[in-house]
């Protein structure tokens, strides 16, 4: 009986840890897509020039397509932070 309870607890812990891993991975991708670095917290900076009445943006995250999957494939996108040098690759559909 103790073995069954122990195995059930281990199974639940494994399930919850896998779900937590996927949640943290998706939250990192969401932050990168918004232009915010999940490592150092750098985000897009905007500057306004009074003379020319122009708004300038300085992006902190640059995205580059490494592999294009075509019509029905998956794209591999590399995100790179200009502030801290973070480089991560994610597959997105």
N, C-alpha and C. Protein backbone atom coordinates (compact mmCIF):
# COMPACT_ATOMS: atom_id res chain seq x y z
N UNK A 1 0.82 -1.20 0.00
CA UNK A 1 0.00 0.00 0.00
C UNK A 1 0.87 1.26 0.00
N UNK A 2 1.94 1.24 0.79
CA UNK A 2 2.83 2.39 0.84
C UNK A 2 3.53 2.61 -0.51
N UNK A 3 3.82 1.52 -1.19
CA UNK A 3 4.48 1.62 -2.49
C UNK A 3 3.56 2.28 -3.51
N UNK A 4 2.30 1.94 -3.50
CA UNK A 4 1.34 2.53 -4.44
C UNK A 4 1.18 4.02 -4.17
N UNK A 5 1.09 4.41 -2.92
CA UNK A 5 0.97 5.83 -2.57
C UNK A 5 2.24 6.58 -2.98
N UNK A 6 3.40 5.99 -2.73
CA UNK A 6 4.65 6.62 -3.11
C UNK A 6 4.74 6.80 -4.62
N UNK A 7 4.39 5.76 -5.39
CA UNK A 7 4.42 5.86 -6.84
C UNK A 7 3.43 6.89 -7.37
N UNK A 8 2.27 7.00 -6.75
CA UNK A 8 1.29 8.00 -7.14
C UNK A 8 1.82 9.41 -6.89
N UNK A 9 2.46 9.62 -5.75
CA UNK A 9 3.04 10.93 -5.45
C UNK A 9 4.16 11.27 -6.41
N UNK A 10 5.02 10.32 -6.72
CA UNK A 10 6.11 10.56 -7.68
C UNK A 10 5.54 10.88 -9.05
N UNK A 11 4.51 10.17 -9.46
CA UNK A 11 3.87 10.43 -10.75
C UNK A 11 3.30 11.84 -10.80
N UNK A 12 2.62 12.26 -9.76
CA UNK A 12 2.05 13.62 -9.73
C UNK A 12 3.14 14.68 -9.74
N UNK A 13 4.22 14.46 -9.02
CA UNK A 13 5.32 15.42 -9.00
C UNK A 13 5.94 15.54 -10.39
N UNK A 14 6.11 14.43 -11.09
CA UNK A 14 6.68 14.46 -12.44
C UNK A 14 5.76 15.21 -13.39
N UNK A 15 4.47 14.94 -13.32
CA UNK A 15 3.50 15.63 -14.19
C UNK A 15 3.54 17.13 -13.95
N UNK A 16 3.51 17.56 -12.70
CA UNK A 16 3.52 18.99 -12.39
C UNK A 16 4.84 19.65 -12.78
N UNK A 17 5.95 18.95 -12.65
CA UNK A 17 7.23 19.55 -13.04
C UNK A 17 7.33 19.71 -14.56
N UNK A 18 6.78 18.76 -15.32
CA UNK A 18 6.79 18.90 -16.79
C UNK A 18 5.90 20.07 -17.21
N UNK A 19 4.74 20.22 -16.58
CA UNK A 19 3.86 21.34 -16.88
C UNK A 19 4.52 22.68 -16.53
N UNK A 20 5.23 22.73 -15.41
CA UNK A 20 5.94 23.95 -15.02
C UNK A 20 7.05 24.30 -16.00
N UNK A 21 7.74 23.27 -16.52
CA UNK A 21 8.79 23.50 -17.52
C UNK A 21 8.20 24.12 -18.78
N UNK A 22 7.10 23.56 -19.28
CA UNK A 22 6.50 24.10 -20.50
C UNK A 22 5.94 25.50 -20.28
N UNK A 23 5.41 25.78 -19.10
CA UNK A 23 4.90 27.12 -18.80
C UNK A 23 6.04 28.13 -18.80
N UNK A 24 7.17 27.79 -18.20
CA UNK A 24 8.30 28.73 -18.17
C UNK A 24 8.88 28.93 -19.56
N UNK A 25 8.90 27.87 -20.38
CA UNK A 25 9.41 27.99 -21.75
C UNK A 25 8.52 28.91 -22.57
N UNK A 26 7.22 28.74 -22.46
CA UNK A 26 6.30 29.59 -23.23
C UNK A 26 6.32 31.03 -22.73
N UNK A 27 6.52 31.24 -21.44
CA UNK A 27 6.58 32.62 -20.95
C UNK A 27 7.86 33.32 -21.45
N UNK A 28 8.96 32.57 -21.59
CA UNK A 28 10.19 33.16 -22.15
C UNK A 28 9.98 33.54 -23.62
N UNK A 29 9.32 32.67 -24.39
CA UNK A 29 9.06 32.97 -25.80
C UNK A 29 8.14 34.17 -25.93
N UNK A 30 7.13 34.27 -25.06
CA UNK A 30 6.22 35.41 -25.10
C UNK A 30 6.95 36.72 -24.82
N UNK A 31 7.85 36.70 -23.83
CA UNK A 31 8.63 37.90 -23.52
C UNK A 31 9.53 38.28 -24.70
N UNK A 32 10.16 37.30 -25.33
CA UNK A 32 11.02 37.58 -26.47
C UNK A 32 10.22 38.14 -27.64
N UNK A 33 9.02 37.62 -27.87
CA UNK A 33 8.18 38.14 -28.96
C UNK A 33 7.72 39.56 -28.68
N UNK A 34 7.57 39.93 -27.42
CA UNK A 34 7.18 41.30 -27.06
C UNK A 34 8.35 42.28 -27.14
N UNK A 35 9.57 41.76 -27.25
CA UNK A 35 10.75 42.61 -27.34
C UNK A 35 11.41 42.85 -26.00
N UNK A 36 11.16 41.99 -25.03
CA UNK A 36 11.75 42.12 -23.70
C UNK A 36 12.64 40.92 -23.44
N UNK A 37 13.82 41.17 -22.90
CA UNK A 37 14.77 40.09 -22.61
C UNK A 37 14.38 39.41 -21.29
N UNK A 38 14.20 38.08 -21.28
CA UNK A 38 13.84 37.41 -20.04
C UNK A 38 15.02 37.28 -19.07
N UNK A 39 16.23 37.51 -19.55
CA UNK A 39 17.42 37.36 -18.72
C UNK A 39 17.76 38.66 -17.98
N UNK A 40 17.90 39.75 -18.73
CA UNK A 40 18.32 41.01 -18.11
C UNK A 40 17.18 42.03 -17.98
N UNK A 41 16.05 41.79 -18.65
CA UNK A 41 14.91 42.69 -18.53
C UNK A 41 14.96 43.90 -19.45
N UNK A 42 15.89 43.92 -20.39
CA UNK A 42 15.98 45.05 -21.32
C UNK A 42 14.78 45.03 -22.26
N UNK A 43 14.25 46.21 -22.55
CA UNK A 43 13.09 46.30 -23.44
C UNK A 43 13.34 47.38 -24.49
N UNK A 44 12.37 47.56 -25.36
CA UNK A 44 12.49 48.54 -26.43
C UNK A 44 12.48 49.95 -25.85
N UNK A 45 13.43 50.76 -26.31
CA UNK A 45 13.51 52.15 -25.85
C UNK A 45 13.03 53.06 -26.97
N UNK A 46 12.26 54.08 -26.61
CA UNK A 46 11.78 55.03 -27.61
C UNK A 46 12.33 56.41 -27.27
N UNK A 47 12.71 57.13 -28.31
CA UNK A 47 13.23 58.48 -28.17
C UNK A 47 12.41 59.41 -29.05
N UNK A 48 12.20 60.62 -28.59
CA UNK A 48 11.44 61.60 -29.36
C UNK A 48 12.34 62.79 -29.65
N UNK A 49 12.44 63.15 -30.92
CA UNK A 49 13.24 64.29 -31.34
C UNK A 49 12.32 65.49 -31.49
N UNK A 50 12.56 66.51 -30.69
CA UNK A 50 11.73 67.72 -30.71
C UNK A 50 11.88 68.51 -32.00
N UNK A 51 13.07 68.53 -32.56
CA UNK A 51 13.32 69.34 -33.76
C UNK A 51 12.56 68.81 -34.97
N UNK A 52 12.63 67.50 -35.20
CA UNK A 52 11.99 66.93 -36.38
C UNK A 52 10.64 66.30 -36.08
N UNK A 53 10.25 66.30 -34.80
CA UNK A 53 8.98 65.69 -34.37
C UNK A 53 8.88 64.23 -34.81
N UNK A 54 9.96 63.49 -34.55
CA UNK A 54 10.05 62.10 -34.97
C UNK A 54 10.29 61.21 -33.76
N UNK A 55 9.65 60.03 -33.75
CA UNK A 55 9.82 59.05 -32.70
C UNK A 55 10.77 57.96 -33.20
N UNK A 56 11.84 57.68 -32.44
CA UNK A 56 12.81 56.65 -32.79
C UNK A 56 12.68 55.50 -31.81
N UNK A 57 12.88 54.26 -32.32
CA UNK A 57 12.85 53.07 -31.49
C UNK A 57 14.20 52.39 -31.52
N UNK A 58 14.65 51.94 -30.35
CA UNK A 58 15.87 51.16 -30.25
C UNK A 58 15.49 49.79 -29.70
N UNK A 59 15.46 48.79 -30.58
CA UNK A 59 15.07 47.44 -30.20
C UNK A 59 16.22 46.76 -29.44
N UNK A 60 15.89 46.07 -28.36
CA UNK A 60 16.93 45.35 -27.61
C UNK A 60 17.00 43.89 -28.04
N UNK A 61 15.93 43.36 -28.64
CA UNK A 61 15.89 41.97 -29.08
C UNK A 61 15.84 41.95 -30.60
N UNK A 62 16.74 41.18 -31.20
CA UNK A 62 16.68 41.00 -32.66
C UNK A 62 16.32 39.55 -32.95
N UNK A 63 15.40 39.35 -33.89
CA UNK A 63 14.95 38.01 -34.27
C UNK A 63 15.43 37.72 -35.68
N UNK A 64 15.88 36.49 -35.88
CA UNK A 64 16.39 36.09 -37.19
C UNK A 64 15.89 34.68 -37.48
N UNK A 65 15.36 34.45 -38.67
CA UNK A 65 14.87 33.13 -39.07
C UNK A 65 16.07 32.29 -39.50
N UNK A 66 16.28 31.18 -38.80
CA UNK A 66 17.38 30.29 -39.14
C UNK A 66 16.97 29.28 -40.20
N UNK A 67 15.77 28.70 -40.04
CA UNK A 67 15.29 27.71 -40.99
C UNK A 67 13.82 27.95 -41.24
N UNK A 68 13.48 28.17 -42.49
CA UNK A 68 12.09 28.39 -42.86
C UNK A 68 11.50 27.05 -43.25
N UNK A 69 10.39 26.68 -42.62
CA UNK A 69 9.78 25.37 -42.86
C UNK A 69 8.90 25.31 -44.07
N UNK A 70 8.73 26.39 -44.79
CA UNK A 70 7.88 26.38 -45.97
C UNK A 70 6.43 26.59 -45.60
N UNK A 71 5.53 26.05 -46.41
CA UNK A 71 4.09 26.28 -46.22
C UNK A 71 3.56 25.60 -44.96
N UNK A 72 3.97 24.37 -44.71
CA UNK A 72 3.41 23.64 -43.58
C UNK A 72 4.45 23.26 -42.54
N UNK A 73 5.63 23.82 -42.62
CA UNK A 73 6.70 23.45 -41.70
C UNK A 73 6.82 24.40 -40.53
N UNK A 74 7.80 24.15 -39.71
CA UNK A 74 8.05 24.94 -38.51
C UNK A 74 9.26 25.82 -38.75
N UNK A 75 9.17 27.07 -38.33
CA UNK A 75 10.28 28.02 -38.47
C UNK A 75 11.15 27.99 -37.21
N UNK A 76 12.45 27.94 -37.39
CA UNK A 76 13.39 28.07 -36.28
C UNK A 76 13.82 29.53 -36.23
N UNK A 77 13.56 30.19 -35.10
CA UNK A 77 13.86 31.62 -34.95
C UNK A 77 14.89 31.79 -33.84
N UNK A 78 15.94 32.56 -34.15
CA UNK A 78 16.97 32.87 -33.17
C UNK A 78 16.72 34.27 -32.61
N UNK A 79 16.61 34.38 -31.30
CA UNK A 79 16.46 35.66 -30.63
C UNK A 79 17.79 36.02 -29.99
N UNK A 80 18.21 37.28 -30.16
CA UNK A 80 19.48 37.72 -29.60
C UNK A 80 19.29 39.06 -28.91
N UNK A 81 19.74 39.15 -27.66
CA UNK A 81 19.66 40.39 -26.89
C UNK A 81 20.92 41.21 -27.13
N UNK A 82 20.74 42.48 -27.42
CA UNK A 82 21.89 43.35 -27.68
C UNK A 82 22.53 43.83 -26.38
N UNK A 83 21.80 43.77 -25.27
CA UNK A 83 22.33 44.26 -23.98
C UNK A 83 23.21 43.21 -23.30
N UNK A 84 22.68 42.00 -23.12
CA UNK A 84 23.42 41.00 -22.34
C UNK A 84 24.01 39.88 -23.19
N UNK A 85 23.68 39.83 -24.49
CA UNK A 85 24.25 38.81 -25.37
C UNK A 85 23.52 37.48 -25.31
N UNK A 86 22.33 37.43 -24.74
CA UNK A 86 21.55 36.20 -24.67
C UNK A 86 21.18 35.75 -26.08
N UNK A 87 21.35 34.46 -26.37
CA UNK A 87 21.02 33.92 -27.68
C UNK A 87 20.23 32.63 -27.47
N UNK A 88 18.97 32.62 -27.94
CA UNK A 88 18.12 31.44 -27.79
C UNK A 88 17.42 31.16 -29.12
N UNK A 89 17.20 29.88 -29.39
CA UNK A 89 16.56 29.43 -30.62
C UNK A 89 15.28 28.69 -30.24
N UNK A 90 14.16 29.08 -30.86
CA UNK A 90 12.87 28.43 -30.62
C UNK A 90 12.22 28.08 -31.93
N UNK A 91 11.47 26.98 -31.94
CA UNK A 91 10.69 26.58 -33.11
C UNK A 91 9.28 27.09 -32.95
N UNK A 92 8.80 27.79 -33.97
CA UNK A 92 7.44 28.33 -33.92
C UNK A 92 6.74 28.01 -35.21
N UNK A 93 5.43 27.73 -35.08
CA UNK A 93 4.66 27.32 -36.25
C UNK A 93 3.92 28.38 -36.90
